[in-house]
Amino acid sequence: MRFKTHHEAGRKCVLLHVGDHDPAGLLISDVIKSNLMDCANVKGVDFDPSPIRVERIGLTREQIGDLGLPWIENLETGSGKDLGDPGHPD
């Protein structure tokens, strides 16, 4: 695991997470850290991921294009509602 190698070399490890900005997407950052902690108990892993910091970041539409990332028009949230609707609660 690259994080283990860098942590043992004294570096601070940060995992950048880019995801949806709806309630379900916002929860994923917390789940990622929890999943890493679950992996610490896997036989042969031999690494405590607790020092890893998970940071949620956002990208502009221009950055998404520059990086060649997918963009989905008229995307709906996990609740099935249109995120482009100004009255949307998310």
PDB file of N, CA and C in Angstrom:
ATOM      1  N   MET A   1       0.848  -1.175   0.000  1.00  0.00           N
ATOM      2  CA  MET A   1       0.000   0.000   0.000  1.00  0.00           C
ATOM      3  C   MET A   1       0.891   1.235   0.000  1.00  0.00           C
ATOM      4  N   ARG A   2       0.657   2.122  -0.940  1.00  0.00           N
ATOM      5  CA  ARG A   2       1.490   3.323  -1.039  1.00  0.00           C
ATOM      6  C   ARG A   2       1.409   4.196   0.201  1.00  0.00           C
ATOM      7  N   PHE A   3       0.217   4.266   0.808  1.00  0.00           N
ATOM      8  CA  PHE A   3       0.083   5.080   2.012  1.00  0.00           C
ATOM      9  C   PHE A   3       1.007   4.577   3.113  1.00  0.00           C
ATOM     10  N   LYS A   4       1.117   3.283   3.252  1.00  0.00           N
ATOM     11  CA  LYS A   4       1.978   2.697   4.285  1.00  0.00           C
ATOM     12  C   LYS A   4       3.424   3.117   4.061  1.00  0.00           C
ATOM     13  N   THR A   5       3.886   3.010   2.826  1.00  0.00           N
ATOM     14  CA  THR A   5       5.266   3.375   2.492  1.00  0.00           C
ATOM     15  C   THR A   5       5.531   4.841   2.811  1.00  0.00           C
ATOM     16  N   HIS A   6       4.619   5.713   2.413  1.00  0.00           N
ATOM     17  CA  HIS A   6       4.811   7.150   2.650  1.00  0.00           C
ATOM     18  C   HIS A   6       4.698   7.492   4.135  1.00  0.00           C
ATOM     19  N   HIS A   7       3.766   6.850   4.824  1.00  0.00           N
ATOM     20  CA  HIS A   7       3.617   7.097   6.263  1.00  0.00           C
ATOM     21  C   HIS A   7       4.885   6.679   7.005  1.00  0.00           C
ATOM     22  N   GLU A   8       5.429   5.527   6.665  1.00  0.00           N
ATOM     23  CA  GLU A   8       6.651   5.046   7.316  1.00  0.00           C
ATOM     24  C   GLU A   8       7.848   5.930   6.999  1.00  0.00           C
ATOM     25  N   ALA A   9       7.783   6.669   5.882  1.00  0.00           N
ATOM     26  CA  ALA A   9       8.853   7.604   5.528  1.00  0.00           C
ATOM     27  C   ALA A   9       8.661   8.958   6.217  1.00  0.00           C
ATOM     28  N   GLY A  10       7.616   9.069   7.056  1.00  0.00           N
ATOM     29  CA  GLY A  10       7.397  10.296   7.814  1.00  0.00           C
ATOM     30  C   GLY A  10       6.536  11.332   7.121  1.00  0.00           C
ATOM     31  N   ARG A  11       5.925  10.966   6.015  1.00  0.00           N
ATOM     32  CA  ARG A  11       5.072  11.915   5.295  1.00  0.00           C
ATOM     33  C   ARG A  11       3.644  11.863   5.830  1.00  0.00           C
ATOM     34  N   LYS A  12       2.944  12.999   5.737  1.00  0.00           N
ATOM     35  CA  LYS A  12       1.524  13.045   6.083  1.00  0.00           C
ATOM     36  C   LYS A  12       0.740  12.587   4.866  1.00  0.00           C
ATOM     37  N   CYS A  13      -0.174  11.672   5.063  1.00  0.00           N
ATOM     38  CA  CYS A  13      -0.936  11.098   3.951  1.00  0.00           C
ATOM     39  C   CYS A  13      -2.341  11.683   3.900  1.00  0.00           C
ATOM     40  N   VAL A  14      -2.699  12.190   2.723  1.00  0.00           N
ATOM     41  CA  VAL A  14      -4.020  12.773   2.507  1.00  0.00           C
ATOM     42  C   VAL A  14      -4.627  12.122   1.276  1.00  0.00           C
ATOM     43  N   LEU A  15      -5.828  11.603   1.425  1.00  0.00           N
ATOM     44  CA  LEU A  15      -6.564  11.021   0.313  1.00  0.00           C
ATOM     45  C   LEU A  15      -7.596  12.052  -0.129  1.00  0.00           C
ATOM     46  N   LEU A  16      -7.482  12.516  -1.370  1.00  0.00           N
ATOM     47  CA  LEU A  16      -8.430  13.503  -1.897  1.00  0.00           C
ATOM     48  C   LEU A  16      -9.600  12.774  -2.529  1.00  0.00           C
ATOM     49  N   HIS A  17     -10.801  13.139  -2.116  1.00  0.00           N
ATOM     50  CA  HIS A  17     -12.016  12.505  -2.623  1.00  0.00           C
ATOM     51  C   HIS A  17     -12.839  13.540  -3.381  1.00  0.00           C
ATOM     52  N   VAL A  18     -13.158  13.218  -4.621  1.00  0.00           N
ATOM     53  CA  VAL A  18     -14.036  14.054  -5.438  1.00  0.00           C
ATOM     54  C   VAL A  18     -15.307  13.254  -5.666  1.00  0.00           C
ATOM     55  N   GLY A  19     -16.428  13.769  -5.210  1.00  0.00           N
ATOM     56  CA  GLY A  19     -17.685  13.041  -5.358  1.00  0.00           C
ATOM     57  C   GLY A  19     -18.847  13.986  -5.546  1.00  0.00           C
ATOM     58  N   ASP A  20     -20.021  13.412  -5.595  1.00  0.00           N
ATOM     59  CA  ASP A  20     -21.237  14.199  -5.770  1.00  0.00           C
ATOM     60  C   ASP A  20     -21.488  15.068  -4.542  1.00  0.00           C
ATOM     61  N   HIS A  21     -22.096  16.240  -4.798  1.00  0.00           N
ATOM     62  CA  HIS A  21     -22.421  17.154  -3.700  1.00  0.00           C
ATOM     63  C   HIS A  21     -23.914  17.062  -3.393  1.00  0.00           C
ATOM     64  N   ASP A  22     -24.343  15.869  -3.031  1.00  0.00           N
ATOM     65  CA  ASP A  22     -25.705  15.655  -2.545  1.00  0.00           C
ATOM     66  C   ASP A  22     -25.556  14.905  -1.226  1.00  0.00           C
ATOM     67  N   PRO A  23     -26.627  14.727  -0.474  1.00  0.00           N
ATOM     68  CA  PRO A  23     -26.466  14.103   0.850  1.00  0.00           C
ATOM     69  C   PRO A  23     -25.729  12.767   0.820  1.00  0.00           C
ATOM     70  N   ALA A  24     -26.074  11.906  -0.122  1.00  0.00           N
ATOM     71  CA  ALA A  24     -25.396  10.603  -0.193  1.00  0.00           C
ATOM     72  C   ALA A  24     -23.926  10.779  -0.547  1.00  0.00           C
ATOM     73  N   GLY A  25     -23.629  11.663  -1.488  1.00  0.00           N
ATOM     74  CA  GLY A  25     -22.251  11.895  -1.900  1.00  0.00           C
ATOM     75  C   GLY A  25     -21.401  12.484  -0.790  1.00  0.00           C
ATOM     76  N   LEU A  26     -22.002  13.352   0.020  1.00  0.00           N
ATOM     77  CA  LEU A  26     -21.262  13.971   1.114  1.00  0.00           C
ATOM     78  C   LEU A  26     -20.895  12.958   2.196  1.00  0.00           C
ATOM     79  N   LEU A  27     -21.686  11.935   2.351  1.00  0.00           N
ATOM     80  CA  LEU A  27     -21.411  10.910   3.358  1.00  0.00           C
ATOM     81  C   LEU A  27     -20.273   9.978   2.949  1.00  0.00           C
ATOM     82  N   ILE A  28     -19.989   9.920   1.659  1.00  0.00           N
ATOM     83  CA  ILE A  28     -18.991   8.971   1.169  1.00  0.00           C
ATOM     84  C   ILE A  28     -17.609   9.236   1.768  1.00  0.00           C
ATOM     85  N   SER A  29     -17.255  10.506   1.986  1.00  0.00           N
ATOM     86  CA  SER A  29     -15.944  10.804   2.573  1.00  0.00           C
ATOM     87  C   SER A  29     -15.772  10.112   3.917  1.00  0.00           C
ATOM     88  N   ASP A  30     -16.820  10.120   4.730  1.00  0.00           N
ATOM     89  CA  ASP A  30     -16.744   9.448   6.032  1.00  0.00           C
ATOM     90  C   ASP A  30     -16.662   7.936   5.862  1.00  0.00           C
ATOM     91  N   VAL A  31     -17.377   7.413   4.888  1.00  0.00           N
ATOM     92  CA  VAL A  31     -17.383   5.969   4.646  1.00  0.00           C
ATOM     93  C   VAL A  31     -16.007   5.503   4.165  1.00  0.00           C
ATOM     94  N   ILE A  32     -15.342   6.328   3.367  1.00  0.00           N
ATOM     95  CA  ILE A  32     -14.004   5.967   2.874  1.00  0.00           C
ATOM     96  C   ILE A  32     -13.070   5.720   4.056  1.00  0.00           C
ATOM     97  N   LYS A  33     -13.053   6.627   5.015  1.00  0.00           N
ATOM     98  CA  LYS A  33     -12.174   6.469   6.185  1.00  0.00           C
ATOM     99  C   LYS A  33     -12.554   5.207   6.957  1.00  0.00           C
ATOM    100  N   SER A  34     -13.836   4.982   7.122  1.00  0.00           N
ATOM    101  CA  SER A  34     -14.310   3.784   7.815  1.00  0.00           C
ATOM    102  C   SER A  34     -13.866   2.517   7.082  1.00  0.00           C
ATOM    103  N   ASN A  35     -13.964   2.529   5.755  1.00  0.00           N
ATOM    104  CA  ASN A  35     -13.533   1.370   4.964  1.00  0.00           C
ATOM    105  C   ASN A  35     -12.032   1.126   5.102  1.00  0.00           C
ATOM    106  N   LEU A  36     -11.251   2.203   5.130  1.00  0.00           N
ATOM    107  CA  LEU A  36      -9.808   2.051   5.332  1.00  0.00           C
ATOM    108  C   LEU A  36      -9.525   1.407   6.687  1.00  0.00           C
ATOM    109  N   MET A  37     -10.263   1.843   7.700  1.00  0.00           N
ATOM    110  CA  MET A  37     -10.070   1.276   9.033  1.00  0.00           C
ATOM    111  C   MET A  37     -10.443  -0.208   9.048  1.00  0.00           C
ATOM    112  N   ASP A  38     -11.501  -0.573   8.326  1.00  0.00           N
ATOM    113  CA  ASP A  38     -11.886  -1.985   8.228  1.00  0.00           C
ATOM    114  C   ASP A  38     -10.784  -2.813   7.573  1.00  0.00           C
ATOM    115  N   CYS A  39     -10.092  -2.229   6.600  1.00  0.00           N
ATOM    116  CA  CYS A  39      -9.027  -2.950   5.888  1.00  0.00           C
ATOM    117  C   CYS A  39      -7.820  -3.211   6.782  1.00  0.00           C
ATOM    118  N   ALA A  40      -7.664  -2.433   7.833  1.00  0.00           N
ATOM    119  CA  ALA A  40      -6.527  -2.625   8.736  1.00  0.00           C
ATOM    120  C   ALA A  40      -6.573  -3.998   9.392  1.00  0.00           C
ATOM    121  N   ASN A  41      -7.767  -4.570   9.472  1.00  0.00           N
ATOM    122  CA  ASN A  41      -7.919  -5.875  10.116  1.00  0.00           C
ATOM    123  C   ASN A  41      -7.770  -7.046   9.148  1.00  0.00           C
ATOM    124  N   VAL A  42      -7.512  -6.755   7.888  1.00  0.00           N
ATOM    125  CA  VAL A  42      -7.357  -7.817   6.897  1.00  0.00           C
ATOM    126  C   VAL A  42      -5.991  -8.472   7.090  1.00  0.00           C
ATOM    127  N   LYS A  43      -5.978  -9.772   7.074  1.00  0.00           N
ATOM    128  CA  LYS A  43      -4.732 -10.517   7.273  1.00  0.00           C
ATOM    129  C   LYS A  43      -3.696 -10.111   6.226  1.00  0.00           C
ATOM    130  N   GLY A  44      -2.503  -9.781   6.675  1.00  0.00           N
ATOM    131  CA  GLY A  44      -1.410  -9.441   5.782  1.00  0.00           C
ATOM    132  C   GLY A  44      -1.289  -7.959   5.460  1.00  0.00           C
ATOM    133  N   VAL A  45      -2.252  -7.145   5.870  1.00  0.00           N
ATOM    134  CA  VAL A  45      -2.185  -5.709   5.555  1.00  0.00           C
ATOM    135  C   VAL A  45      -1.129  -5.033   6.415  1.00  0.00           C
ATOM    136  N   ASP A  46      -1.141  -5.272   7.718  1.00  0.00           N
ATOM    137  CA  ASP A  46      -0.125  -4.759   8.630  1.00  0.00           C
ATOM    138  C   ASP A  46       0.076  -3.251   8.495  1.00  0.00           C
ATOM    139  N   PHE A  47      -1.025  -2.494   8.535  1.00  0.00           N
ATOM    140  CA  PHE A  47      -0.930  -1.038   8.460  1.00  0.00           C
ATOM    141  C   PHE A  47      -2.120  -0.421   9.169  1.00  0.00           C
ATOM    142  N   ASP A  48      -1.846   0.560  10.004  1.00  0.00           N
ATOM    143  CA  ASP A  48      -2.897   1.303  10.692  1.00  0.00           C
ATOM    144  C   ASP A  48      -3.198   2.556   9.871  1.00  0.00           C
ATOM    145  N   PRO A  49      -4.359   2.619   9.203  1.00  0.00           N
ATOM    146  CA  PRO A  49      -4.669   3.756   8.345  1.00  0.00           C
ATOM    147  C   PRO A  49      -5.203   4.976   9.095  1.00  0.00           C
ATOM    148  N   SER A  50      -5.248   4.926  10.428  1.00  0.00           N
ATOM    149  CA  SER A  50      -5.837   6.048  11.163  1.00  0.00           C
ATOM    150  C   SER A  50      -5.156   7.392  10.900  1.00  0.00           C
ATOM    151  N   PRO A  51      -3.836   7.459  10.595  1.00  0.00           N
ATOM    152  CA  PRO A  51      -3.245   8.768  10.306  1.00  0.00           C
ATOM    153  C   PRO A  51      -3.652   9.356   8.944  1.00  0.00           C
ATOM    154  N   ILE A  52      -4.239   8.546   8.072  1.00  0.00           N
ATOM    155  CA  ILE A  52      -4.624   9.050   6.747  1.00  0.00           C
ATOM    156  C   ILE A  52      -5.782  10.023   6.898  1.00  0.00           C
ATOM    157  N   ARG A  53      -5.626  11.190   6.302  1.00  0.00           N
ATOM    158  CA  ARG A  53      -6.686  12.200   6.317  1.00  0.00           C
ATOM    159  C   ARG A  53      -7.446  12.116   5.003  1.00  0.00           C
ATOM    160  N   VAL A  54      -8.765  12.034   5.064  1.00  0.00           N
ATOM    161  CA  VAL A  54      -9.603  12.017   3.863  1.00  0.00           C
ATOM    162  C   VAL A  54     -10.200  13.409   3.712  1.00  0.00           C
ATOM    163  N   GLU A  55      -9.907  14.061   2.588  1.00  0.00           N
ATOM    164  CA  GLU A  55     -10.411  15.409   2.319  1.00  0.00           C
ATOM    165  C   GLU A  55     -11.301  15.390   1.091  1.00  0.00           C
ATOM    166  N   ARG A  56     -12.489  15.935   1.235  1.00  0.00           N
ATOM    167  CA  ARG A  56     -13.396  16.063   0.092  1.00  0.00           C
ATOM    168  C   ARG A  56     -13.058  17.382  -0.600  1.00  0.00           C
ATOM    169  N   ILE A  57     -12.865  17.317  -1.901  1.00  0.00           N
ATOM    170  CA  ILE A  57     -12.576  18.531  -2.666  1.00  0.00           C
ATOM    171  C   ILE A  57     -13.600  18.665  -3.790  1.00  0.00           C
ATOM    172  N   GLY A  58     -13.720  19.854  -4.301  1.00  0.00           N
ATOM    173  CA  GLY A  58     -14.628  20.108  -5.412  1.00  0.00           C
ATOM    174  C   GLY A  58     -13.857  20.576  -6.630  1.00  0.00           C
ATOM    175  N   LEU A  59     -14.431  20.365  -7.783  1.00  0.00           N
ATOM    176  CA  LEU A  59     -13.828  20.794  -9.041  1.00  0.00           C
ATOM    177  C   LEU A  59     -14.810  21.688  -9.787  1.00  0.00           C
ATOM    178  N   THR A  60     -14.263  22.628 -10.535  1.00  0.00           N
ATOM    179  CA  THR A  60     -15.107  23.443 -11.401  1.00  0.00           C
ATOM    180  C   THR A  60     -15.398  22.657 -12.676  1.00  0.00           C
ATOM    181  N   ARG A  61     -16.381  23.118 -13.423  1.00  0.00           N
ATOM    182  CA  ARG A  61     -16.707  22.461 -14.689  1.00  0.00           C
ATOM    183  C   ARG A  61     -15.487  22.494 -15.620  1.00  0.00           C
ATOM    184  N   GLU A  62     -14.747  23.603 -15.588  1.00  0.00           N
ATOM    185  CA  GLU A  62     -13.549  23.727 -16.428  1.00  0.00           C
ATOM    186  C   GLU A  62     -12.497  22.683 -16.033  1.00  0.00           C
ATOM    187  N   GLN A  63     -12.280  22.496 -14.743  1.00  0.00           N
ATOM    188  CA  GLN A  63     -11.310  21.499 -14.278  1.00  0.00           C
ATOM    189  C   GLN A  63     -11.739  20.091 -14.677  1.00  0.00           C
ATOM    190  N   ILE A  64     -13.037  19.824 -14.594  1.00  0.00           N
ATOM    191  CA  ILE A  64     -13.547  18.515 -14.998  1.00  0.00           C
ATOM    192  C   ILE A  64     -13.219  18.266 -16.464  1.00  0.00           C
ATOM    193  N   GLY A  65     -13.427  19.286 -17.309  1.00  0.00           N
ATOM    194  CA  GLY A  65     -13.111  19.166 -18.732  1.00  0.00           C
ATOM    195  C   GLY A  65     -11.623  19.003 -18.974  1.00  0.00           C
ATOM    196  N   ASP A  66     -10.818  19.822 -18.294  1.00  0.00           N
ATOM    197  CA  ASP A  66      -9.362  19.758 -18.470  1.00  0.00           C
ATOM    198  C   ASP A  66      -8.797  18.396 -18.072  1.00  0.00           C
ATOM    199  N   LEU A  67      -9.394  17.778 -17.068  1.00  0.00           N
ATOM    200  CA  LEU A  67      -8.916  16.481 -16.586  1.00  0.00           C
ATOM    201  C   LEU A  67      -9.541  15.304 -17.323  1.00  0.00           C
ATOM    202  N   GLY A  68     -10.472  15.602 -18.232  1.00  0.00           N
ATOM    203  CA  GLY A  68     -11.122  14.542 -19.003  1.00  0.00           C
ATOM    204  C   GLY A  68     -12.048  13.671 -18.165  1.00  0.00           C
ATOM    205  N   LEU A  69     -12.597  14.252 -17.101  1.00  0.00           N
ATOM    206  CA  LEU A  69     -13.511  13.500 -16.237  1.00  0.00           C
ATOM    207  C   LEU A  69     -14.922  13.529 -16.822  1.00  0.00           C
ATOM    208  N   PRO A  70     -15.736  12.546 -16.503  1.00  0.00           N
ATOM    209  CA  PRO A  70     -17.092  12.516 -17.060  1.00  0.00           C
ATOM    210  C   PRO A  70     -17.974  13.606 -16.453  1.00  0.00           C
ATOM    211  N   TRP A  71     -18.851  14.136 -17.269  1.00  0.00           N
ATOM    212  CA  TRP A  71     -19.829  15.125 -16.831  1.00  0.00           C
ATOM    213  C   TRP A  71     -21.186  14.634 -17.310  1.00  0.00           C
ATOM    214  N   ILE A  72     -22.146  14.568 -16.421  1.00  0.00           N
ATOM    215  CA  ILE A  72     -23.464  14.064 -16.782  1.00  0.00           C
ATOM    216  C   ILE A  72     -24.467  15.207 -16.697  1.00  0.00           C
ATOM    217  N   GLU A  73     -25.027  15.578 -17.846  1.00  0.00           N
ATOM    218  CA  GLU A  73     -26.044  16.630 -17.868  1.00  0.00           C
ATOM    219  C   GLU A  73     -27.310  16.140 -17.179  1.00  0.00           C
ATOM    220  N   ASN A  74     -28.011  17.065 -16.545  1.00  0.00           N
ATOM    221  CA  ASN A  74     -29.301  16.777 -15.903  1.00  0.00           C
ATOM    222  C   ASN A  74     -29.205  15.635 -14.892  1.00  0.00           C
ATOM    223  N   LEU A  75     -28.093  15.591 -14.198  1.00  0.00           N
ATOM    224  CA  LEU A  75     -27.874  14.547 -13.199  1.00  0.00           C
ATOM    225  C   LEU A  75     -28.881  14.682 -12.063  1.00  0.00           C
ATOM    226  N   GLU A  76     -29.409  13.564 -11.632  1.00  0.00           N
ATOM    227  CA  GLU A  76     -30.317  13.552 -10.489  1.00  0.00           C
ATOM    228  C   GLU A  76     -29.559  13.097  -9.253  1.00  0.00           C
ATOM    229  N   THR A  77     -30.058  13.496  -8.108  1.00  0.00           N
ATOM    230  CA  THR A  77     -29.431  13.087  -6.856  1.00  0.00           C
ATOM    231  C   THR A  77     -29.834  11.659  -6.525  1.00  0.00           C
ATOM    232  N   GLY A  78     -29.250  11.140  -5.471  1.00  0.00           N
ATOM    233  CA  GLY A  78     -29.607   9.800  -5.023  1.00  0.00           C
ATOM    234  C   GLY A  78     -31.090   9.680  -4.697  1.00  0.00           C
ATOM    235  N   SER A  79     -31.716  10.806  -4.368  1.00  0.00           N
ATOM    236  CA  SER A  79     -33.149  10.787  -4.060  1.00  0.00           C
ATOM    237  C   SER A  79     -33.999  10.837  -5.324  1.00  0.00           C
ATOM    238  N   GLY A  80     -33.342  10.971  -6.499  1.00  0.00           N
ATOM    239  CA  GLY A  80     -34.077  11.010  -7.765  1.00  0.00           C
ATOM    240  C   GLY A  80     -34.559  12.391  -8.150  1.00  0.00           C
ATOM    241  N   LYS A  81     -34.108  13.409  -7.457  1.00  0.00           N
ATOM    242  CA  LYS A  81     -34.542  14.774  -7.743  1.00  0.00           C
ATOM    243  C   LYS A  81     -33.475  15.511  -8.549  1.00  0.00           C
ATOM    244  N   ASP A  82     -33.907  16.482  -9.332  1.00  0.00           N
ATOM    245  CA  ASP A  82     -33.019  17.258 -10.196  1.00  0.00           C
ATOM    246  C   ASP A  82     -32.198  18.226  -9.353  1.00  0.00           C
ATOM    247  N   LEU A  83     -30.882  18.066  -9.355  1.00  0.00           N
ATOM    248  CA  LEU A  83     -30.001  18.926  -8.575  1.00  0.00           C
ATOM    249  C   LEU A  83     -29.954  20.343  -9.144  1.00  0.00           C
ATOM    250  N   GLY A  84     -30.329  20.502 -10.423  1.00  0.00           N
ATOM    251  CA  GLY A  84     -30.349  21.825 -11.036  1.00  0.00           C
ATOM    252  C   GLY A  84     -31.560  22.650 -10.641  1.00  0.00           C
ATOM    253  N   ASP A  85     -32.533  22.048 -10.006  1.00  0.00           N
ATOM    254  CA  ASP A  85     -33.737  22.749  -9.563  1.00  0.00           C
ATOM    255  C   ASP A  85     -33.374  23.675  -8.408  1.00  0.00           C
ATOM    256  N   PRO A  86     -33.594  25.002  -8.575  1.00  0.00           N
ATOM    257  CA  PRO A  86     -33.229  25.942  -7.502  1.00  0.00           C
ATOM    258  C   PRO A  86     -33.922  25.642  -6.171  1.00  0.00           C
ATOM    259  N   GLY A  87     -35.056  24.953  -6.207  1.00  0.00           N
ATOM    260  CA  GLY A  87     -35.760  24.622  -4.977  1.00  0.00           C
ATOM    261  C   GLY A  87     -35.318  23.311  -4.352  1.00  0.00           C
ATOM    262  N   HIS A  88     -34.296  22.696  -4.938  1.00  0.00           N
ATOM    263  CA  HIS A  88     -33.829  21.399  -4.426  1.00  0.00           C
ATOM    264  C   HIS A  88     -33.216  21.584  -3.041  1.00  0.00           C
ATOM    265  N   PRO A  89     -33.576  20.739  -2.086  1.00  0.00           N
ATOM    266  CA  PRO A  89     -33.068  20.901  -0.717  1.00  0.00           C
ATOM    267  C   PRO A  89     -31.587  20.585  -0.542  1.00  0.00           C
ATOM    268  N   ASP A  90     -30.984  19.864  -1.490  1.00  0.00           N
ATOM    269  CA  ASP A  90     -29.573  19.516  -1.341  1.00  0.00           C
ATOM    270  C   ASP A  90     -28.706  20.683  -1.732  1.00  0.00           C
TER     271      ASP A  90
END
